[in-house]
Amino acid sequence: MTKAELIDVMAGDARISKAAAGKALDSLIKNVGKSLKKGDRVTLVGFGTFSVVKRKARTGRNPQTGESIKIKARKVPKFTPGKGLRDKL
């Protein structure tokens, strides 16, 4: 499902305009990103939890040359599905 398709479905389910649904979805995405940037977790009961995890520095391999490369430590987003979402699958 694309963002445009999701907006169409949201607009139909909530009986609002596509523009309003688009603004709501954009606001959700923006604010989840802001919270994760601050280091907070975002929990949507029945859907899942967005969080930030730290990856340690490690040694990788360039697949073209086989040469070892150093990969820096970094923070990455993580999504853990909630029970409600898992049960639907």
Protein backbone atom coordinates (compact mmCIF):
# COMPACT_ATOMS: atom_id res chain seq x y z
CA MET A 1 0.00 0.00 0.00
CA THR A 2 1.36 3.41 -0.93
CA LYS A 3 0.96 6.63 1.02
CA ALA A 4 -1.66 7.85 -1.47
CA GLU A 5 -3.65 4.63 -1.12
CA LEU A 6 -3.47 4.89 2.68
CA ILE A 7 -4.75 8.47 2.53
CA ASP A 8 -7.68 7.33 0.36
CA VAL A 9 -8.59 4.59 2.84
CA MET A 10 -8.25 6.93 5.84
CA ALA A 11 -10.44 9.54 4.17
CA GLY A 12 -13.13 6.95 3.43
CA ASP A 13 -13.08 5.37 6.89
CA ALA A 14 -13.18 8.69 8.75
CA ARG A 15 -15.51 10.36 6.20
CA ILE A 16 -13.17 13.31 5.81
CA SER A 17 -11.54 14.90 2.77
CA LYS A 18 -8.40 13.44 1.26
CA ALA A 19 -6.62 16.71 2.09
CA ALA A 20 -7.52 16.40 5.78
CA ALA A 21 -6.47 12.74 5.83
CA GLY A 22 -3.18 13.66 4.17
CA LYS A 23 -2.51 16.36 6.75
CA ALA A 24 -3.29 13.93 9.58
CA LEU A 25 -0.96 11.28 8.18
CA ASP A 26 1.82 13.83 7.58
CA SER A 27 1.41 15.08 11.15
CA LEU A 28 1.65 11.53 12.52
CA ILE A 29 4.82 10.82 10.55
CA LYS A 30 6.41 14.14 11.51
CA ASN A 31 5.66 13.79 15.21
CA VAL A 32 6.77 10.16 15.44
CA GLY A 33 10.07 11.26 13.88
CA LYS A 34 10.43 14.15 16.35
CA SER A 35 9.80 11.88 19.32
CA LEU A 36 12.30 9.30 18.10
CA LYS A 37 14.89 12.01 17.53
CA LYS A 38 14.51 13.06 21.18
CA GLY A 39 15.02 9.43 22.22
CA ASP A 40 11.41 8.82 23.24
CA ARG A 41 9.35 5.76 22.42
CA VAL A 42 6.02 6.03 20.61
CA THR A 43 3.48 3.38 21.59
CA LEU A 44 0.22 2.92 19.71
CA VAL A 45 -1.79 0.39 21.70
CA GLY A 46 -2.93 -2.48 19.50
CA PHE A 47 -0.57 -1.46 16.68
CA GLY A 48 2.99 -1.35 17.95
CA THR A 49 5.91 0.60 19.35
CA PHE A 50 8.46 2.75 17.56
CA SER A 51 11.80 3.14 19.34
CA VAL A 52 15.46 3.93 18.70
CA VAL A 53 18.21 1.35 19.13
CA LYS A 54 21.96 1.85 19.05
CA ARG A 55 24.03 -0.30 16.74
CA LYS A 56 27.62 -0.92 17.76
CA ALA A 57 30.52 -0.21 15.45
CA ARG A 58 31.49 -3.30 13.51
CA THR A 59 33.61 -4.58 10.68
CA GLY A 60 31.87 -5.31 7.40
CA ARG A 61 32.97 -6.50 3.97
CA ASN A 62 32.73 -4.75 0.63
CA PRO A 63 30.89 -7.31 -1.54
CA GLN A 64 32.59 -6.15 -4.76
CA THR A 65 36.20 -6.24 -3.57
CA GLY A 66 36.02 -8.43 -0.47
CA GLU A 67 37.90 -5.70 1.41
CA SER A 68 37.13 -5.23 5.12
CA ILE A 69 35.54 -1.90 6.02
CA LYS A 70 34.71 -0.27 9.34
CA ILE A 71 31.03 0.53 9.92
CA LYS A 72 30.44 3.31 12.46
CA ALA A 73 28.09 3.03 15.41
CA ARG A 74 24.71 4.65 14.78
CA LYS A 75 21.14 4.96 15.96
CA VAL A 76 18.41 3.29 13.93
CA PRO A 77 14.61 3.24 14.22
CA LYS A 78 12.94 0.01 15.33
CA PHE A 79 9.31 -1.07 15.14
CA THR A 80 7.89 -3.77 17.38
CA PRO A 81 4.39 -4.90 16.41
CA GLY A 82 1.77 -5.00 19.15
CA LYS A 83 -0.43 -7.96 20.02
CA GLY A 84 -3.41 -6.60 18.08
CA LEU A 85 -1.38 -6.31 14.88
CA ARG A 86 0.28 -9.71 15.35
CA ASP A 87 -3.12 -11.36 15.88
CA LYS A 88 -4.43 -9.93 12.59
CA LEU A 89 -1.67 -11.63 10.62
